[in-house]
Structure formats: structure tokens, C-alpha cells
Amino acid sequence: MTGGEAYRAKLLTPEALDAAILAYLADPSKPAVLEIRKGSIDVAAAVLAHQWSADELAVEDATPARRRNAVRTAVLLASVG
């Protein structure tokens, strides 16, 4: 199951997703983990595994919305482990 599938199945709430994204963006060195049933998604690992998202976050003048969307994309495509 991916984060997107969990989101569509309402196992991942919009509030939990937004909170994890904001926590990661506030301090990428601190753990930001989404718990989904018996699994989880490590937000930092999801970003590192998704090249486009990592590249977007490296853009120096990226807007906050662009950064949020990059992290959201990585989380929704990540596998729940």
C-alpha cells in the first residue's frame, strides 16, 4: 500500500498528512513519521527516495507551496512499511 492508497482509503487523514509535511519542512533533521495501521512512512526517507521531490527541495528560491507539494508527492507515492 502507498501513502496515496492509504489517503484514498481514509487511513491517512488530511490533518495527519499536513502535520507531517509541516514538521518535516520545519526541521528535516528531526523524525517525521506517519503511522498508518500497523505500518508507517518516514517522511525524510520518502523524500530521499523520490528524486523529483528531493530536487524540488534543493531549489533555493522555491516557494513554500512548491516545497509542500514536493514533500506531499513523495509521501503519497511512498510505500507504507
N, C-alpha and C. Protein backbone atom coordinates (compact mmCIF):
# COMPACT_ATOMS: atom_id res chain seq x y z
N MET A 1 0.85 -1.17 0.00
CA MET A 1 0.00 0.00 0.00
C MET A 1 0.90 1.24 0.00
N THR A 2 0.51 2.23 -0.76
CA THR A 2 1.24 3.50 -0.78
C THR A 2 0.53 4.52 0.12
N GLY A 3 1.19 5.62 0.34
CA GLY A 3 0.57 6.69 1.11
C GLY A 3 -0.69 7.20 0.42
N GLY A 4 -0.65 7.27 -0.91
CA GLY A 4 -1.82 7.71 -1.67
C GLY A 4 -2.99 6.76 -1.53
N GLU A 5 -2.71 5.47 -1.55
CA GLU A 5 -3.78 4.49 -1.37
C GLU A 5 -4.35 4.57 0.04
N ALA A 6 -3.50 4.77 1.03
CA ALA A 6 -3.96 4.93 2.41
C ALA A 6 -4.80 6.20 2.55
N TYR A 7 -4.39 7.24 1.85
CA TYR A 7 -5.13 8.51 1.87
C TYR A 7 -6.52 8.33 1.27
N ARG A 8 -6.58 7.68 0.11
CA ARG A 8 -7.88 7.45 -0.53
C ARG A 8 -8.78 6.54 0.30
N ALA A 9 -8.17 5.60 1.03
CA ALA A 9 -8.94 4.69 1.88
C ALA A 9 -9.28 5.33 3.23
N LYS A 10 -8.88 6.57 3.42
CA LYS A 10 -9.13 7.34 4.64
C LYS A 10 -8.41 6.75 5.86
N LEU A 11 -7.31 6.03 5.60
CA LEU A 11 -6.46 5.53 6.68
C LEU A 11 -5.44 6.59 7.07
N LEU A 12 -5.25 7.55 6.20
CA LEU A 12 -4.36 8.69 6.41
C LEU A 12 -5.21 9.94 6.24
N THR A 13 -5.34 10.70 7.31
CA THR A 13 -6.20 11.89 7.26
C THR A 13 -5.44 13.07 6.66
N PRO A 14 -6.17 14.01 6.09
CA PRO A 14 -5.53 15.22 5.58
C PRO A 14 -4.76 15.97 6.67
N GLU A 15 -5.30 15.96 7.89
CA GLU A 15 -4.66 16.66 9.00
C GLU A 15 -3.33 16.01 9.37
N ALA A 16 -3.30 14.68 9.41
CA ALA A 16 -2.06 13.96 9.74
C ALA A 16 -1.02 14.17 8.64
N LEU A 17 -1.46 14.13 7.39
CA LEU A 17 -0.55 14.35 6.27
C LEU A 17 0.03 15.76 6.33
N ASP A 18 -0.81 16.76 6.53
CA ASP A 18 -0.34 18.15 6.61
C ASP A 18 0.60 18.35 7.78
N ALA A 19 0.29 17.76 8.92
CA ALA A 19 1.14 17.91 10.10
C ALA A 19 2.53 17.31 9.86
N ALA A 20 2.58 16.15 9.22
CA ALA A 20 3.87 15.52 8.93
C ALA A 20 4.67 16.34 7.93
N ILE A 21 4.01 16.88 6.93
CA ILE A 21 4.69 17.72 5.94
C ILE A 21 5.26 18.97 6.60
N LEU A 22 4.46 19.64 7.41
CA LEU A 22 4.92 20.85 8.09
C LEU A 22 6.06 20.55 9.06
N ALA A 23 5.97 19.42 9.77
CA ALA A 23 7.04 19.04 10.70
C ALA A 23 8.34 18.79 9.95
N TYR A 24 8.25 18.11 8.83
CA TYR A 24 9.45 17.84 8.03
C TYR A 24 10.05 19.14 7.50
N LEU A 25 9.21 20.01 6.96
CA LEU A 25 9.71 21.26 6.40
C LEU A 25 10.29 22.18 7.48
N ALA A 26 9.74 22.12 8.68
CA ALA A 26 10.24 22.96 9.77
C ALA A 26 11.66 22.54 10.17
N ASP A 27 11.92 21.23 10.18
CA ASP A 27 13.25 20.74 10.54
C ASP A 27 13.45 19.34 9.96
N PRO A 28 14.02 19.26 8.77
CA PRO A 28 14.21 17.97 8.11
C PRO A 28 15.10 16.99 8.88
N SER A 29 15.87 17.49 9.85
CA SER A 29 16.75 16.60 10.61
C SER A 29 16.00 15.86 11.72
N LYS A 30 14.81 16.32 12.07
CA LYS A 30 14.00 15.65 13.10
C LYS A 30 13.10 14.61 12.44
N PRO A 31 12.85 13.51 13.14
CA PRO A 31 11.99 12.47 12.56
C PRO A 31 10.56 12.96 12.36
N ALA A 32 10.02 12.68 11.19
CA ALA A 32 8.61 12.94 10.89
C ALA A 32 8.08 11.64 10.31
N VAL A 33 7.23 10.97 11.07
CA VAL A 33 6.74 9.66 10.68
C VAL A 33 5.23 9.65 10.70
N LEU A 34 4.65 9.09 9.66
CA LEU A 34 3.20 8.91 9.59
C LEU A 34 2.89 7.46 9.94
N GLU A 35 2.07 7.26 10.95
CA GLU A 35 1.64 5.92 11.33
C GLU A 35 0.35 5.59 10.58
N ILE A 36 0.38 4.47 9.87
CA ILE A 36 -0.79 4.04 9.09
C ILE A 36 -1.02 2.57 9.40
N ARG A 37 -2.11 2.31 10.11
CA ARG A 37 -2.40 0.96 10.58
C ARG A 37 -1.19 0.41 11.31
N LYS A 38 -0.67 -0.73 10.85
CA LYS A 38 0.49 -1.33 11.51
C LYS A 38 1.79 -0.92 10.84
N GLY A 39 1.73 -0.02 9.86
CA GLY A 39 2.92 0.42 9.15
C GLY A 39 3.17 1.90 9.37
N SER A 40 4.16 2.41 8.65
CA SER A 40 4.50 3.82 8.77
C SER A 40 5.23 4.30 7.52
N ILE A 41 5.30 5.60 7.40
CA ILE A 41 6.08 6.24 6.34
C ILE A 41 7.00 7.25 7.00
N ASP A 42 8.28 7.09 6.78
CA ASP A 42 9.29 8.05 7.24
C ASP A 42 9.35 9.13 6.16
N VAL A 43 8.97 10.34 6.50
CA VAL A 43 8.86 11.42 5.52
C VAL A 43 10.21 11.73 4.88
N ALA A 44 11.27 11.81 5.68
CA ALA A 44 12.60 12.10 5.14
C ALA A 44 13.04 11.02 4.15
N ALA A 45 12.80 9.77 4.50
CA ALA A 45 13.18 8.67 3.61
C ALA A 45 12.36 8.72 2.32
N ALA A 46 11.09 9.08 2.44
CA ALA A 46 10.23 9.18 1.25
C ALA A 46 10.75 10.26 0.31
N VAL A 47 11.16 11.39 0.86
CA VAL A 47 11.69 12.48 0.04
C VAL A 47 12.99 12.06 -0.64
N LEU A 48 13.87 11.43 0.11
CA LEU A 48 15.14 10.99 -0.46
C LEU A 48 14.95 9.93 -1.54
N ALA A 49 13.93 9.11 -1.40
CA ALA A 49 13.67 8.06 -2.37
C ALA A 49 13.01 8.57 -3.65
N HIS A 50 12.46 9.77 -3.59
CA HIS A 50 11.75 10.33 -4.73
C HIS A 50 12.59 11.48 -5.30
N GLN A 51 13.29 11.22 -6.37
CA GLN A 51 14.28 12.17 -6.90
C GLN A 51 13.68 13.54 -7.22
N TRP A 52 12.51 13.56 -7.83
CA TRP A 52 11.90 14.85 -8.18
C TRP A 52 11.66 15.69 -6.93
N SER A 53 11.15 15.06 -5.88
CA SER A 53 10.89 15.80 -4.64
C SER A 53 12.18 16.33 -4.04
N ALA A 54 13.20 15.50 -4.01
CA ALA A 54 14.49 15.93 -3.48
C ALA A 54 15.04 17.10 -4.30
N ASP A 55 14.91 17.02 -5.60
CA ASP A 55 15.37 18.10 -6.47
C ASP A 55 14.59 19.39 -6.23
N GLU A 56 13.30 19.27 -6.06
CA GLU A 56 12.46 20.45 -5.81
C GLU A 56 12.85 21.14 -4.50
N LEU A 57 13.14 20.35 -3.48
CA LEU A 57 13.51 20.93 -2.20
C LEU A 57 14.89 21.58 -2.24
N ALA A 58 15.70 21.20 -3.20
CA ALA A 58 17.03 21.79 -3.34
C ALA A 58 17.02 23.12 -4.09
N VAL A 59 15.89 23.46 -4.70
CA VAL A 59 15.78 24.74 -5.42
C VAL A 59 15.78 25.86 -4.38
N GLU A 60 16.76 26.74 -4.50
CA GLU A 60 16.97 27.77 -3.49
C GLU A 60 15.79 28.72 -3.32
N ASP A 61 15.17 29.13 -4.43
CA ASP A 61 14.08 30.12 -4.35
C ASP A 61 12.70 29.49 -4.48
N ALA A 62 12.58 28.20 -4.14
CA ALA A 62 11.28 27.52 -4.22
C ALA A 62 10.31 28.14 -3.22
N THR A 63 9.08 28.31 -3.65
CA THR A 63 8.06 28.87 -2.76
C THR A 63 7.66 27.84 -1.71
N PRO A 64 7.07 28.29 -0.62
CA PRO A 64 6.59 27.34 0.39
C PRO A 64 5.60 26.32 -0.18
N ALA A 65 4.73 26.77 -1.08
CA ALA A 65 3.76 25.85 -1.68
C ALA A 65 4.46 24.79 -2.53
N ARG A 66 5.48 25.20 -3.25
CA ARG A 66 6.25 24.25 -4.07
C ARG A 66 6.94 23.22 -3.19
N ARG A 67 7.48 23.65 -2.07
CA ARG A 67 8.14 22.73 -1.13
C ARG A 67 7.12 21.76 -0.53
N ARG A 68 5.97 22.28 -0.10
CA ARG A 68 4.91 21.42 0.46
C ARG A 68 4.48 20.37 -0.55
N ASN A 69 4.27 20.80 -1.79
CA ASN A 69 3.83 19.87 -2.82
C ASN A 69 4.87 18.80 -3.11
N ALA A 70 6.14 19.15 -3.04
CA ALA A 70 7.20 18.17 -3.27
C ALA A 70 7.18 17.10 -2.18
N VAL A 71 7.03 17.52 -0.93
CA VAL A 71 7.01 16.56 0.17
C VAL A 71 5.73 15.73 0.11
N ARG A 72 4.62 16.36 -0.18
CA ARG A 72 3.34 15.64 -0.28
C ARG A 72 3.40 14.57 -1.36
N THR A 73 3.97 14.91 -2.50
CA THR A 73 4.10 13.95 -3.59
C THR A 73 4.92 12.74 -3.15
N ALA A 74 6.04 13.00 -2.48
CA ALA A 74 6.91 11.91 -2.03
C ALA A 74 6.17 10.99 -1.05
N VAL A 75 5.43 11.59 -0.13
CA VAL A 75 4.71 10.80 0.88
C VAL A 75 3.61 9.98 0.22
N LEU A 76 2.87 10.57 -0.67
CA LEU A 76 1.75 9.85 -1.30
C LEU A 76 2.24 8.72 -2.21
N LEU A 77 3.44 8.83 -2.74
CA LEU A 77 3.98 7.77 -3.58
C LEU A 77 4.77 6.73 -2.80
N ALA A 78 5.10 7.01 -1.56
CA ALA A 78 5.89 6.11 -0.74
C ALA A 78 5.09 4.88 -0.31
N SER A 79 5.78 3.79 -0.17
CA SER A 79 5.17 2.55 0.33
C SER A 79 5.08 2.61 1.84
N VAL A 80 3.96 2.12 2.36
CA VAL A 80 3.80 2.02 3.81
C VAL A 80 4.56 0.76 4.23
N GLY A 81 5.49 0.95 5.13
CA GLY A 81 6.31 -0.20 5.56
C GLY A 81 6.15 -0.53 6.99
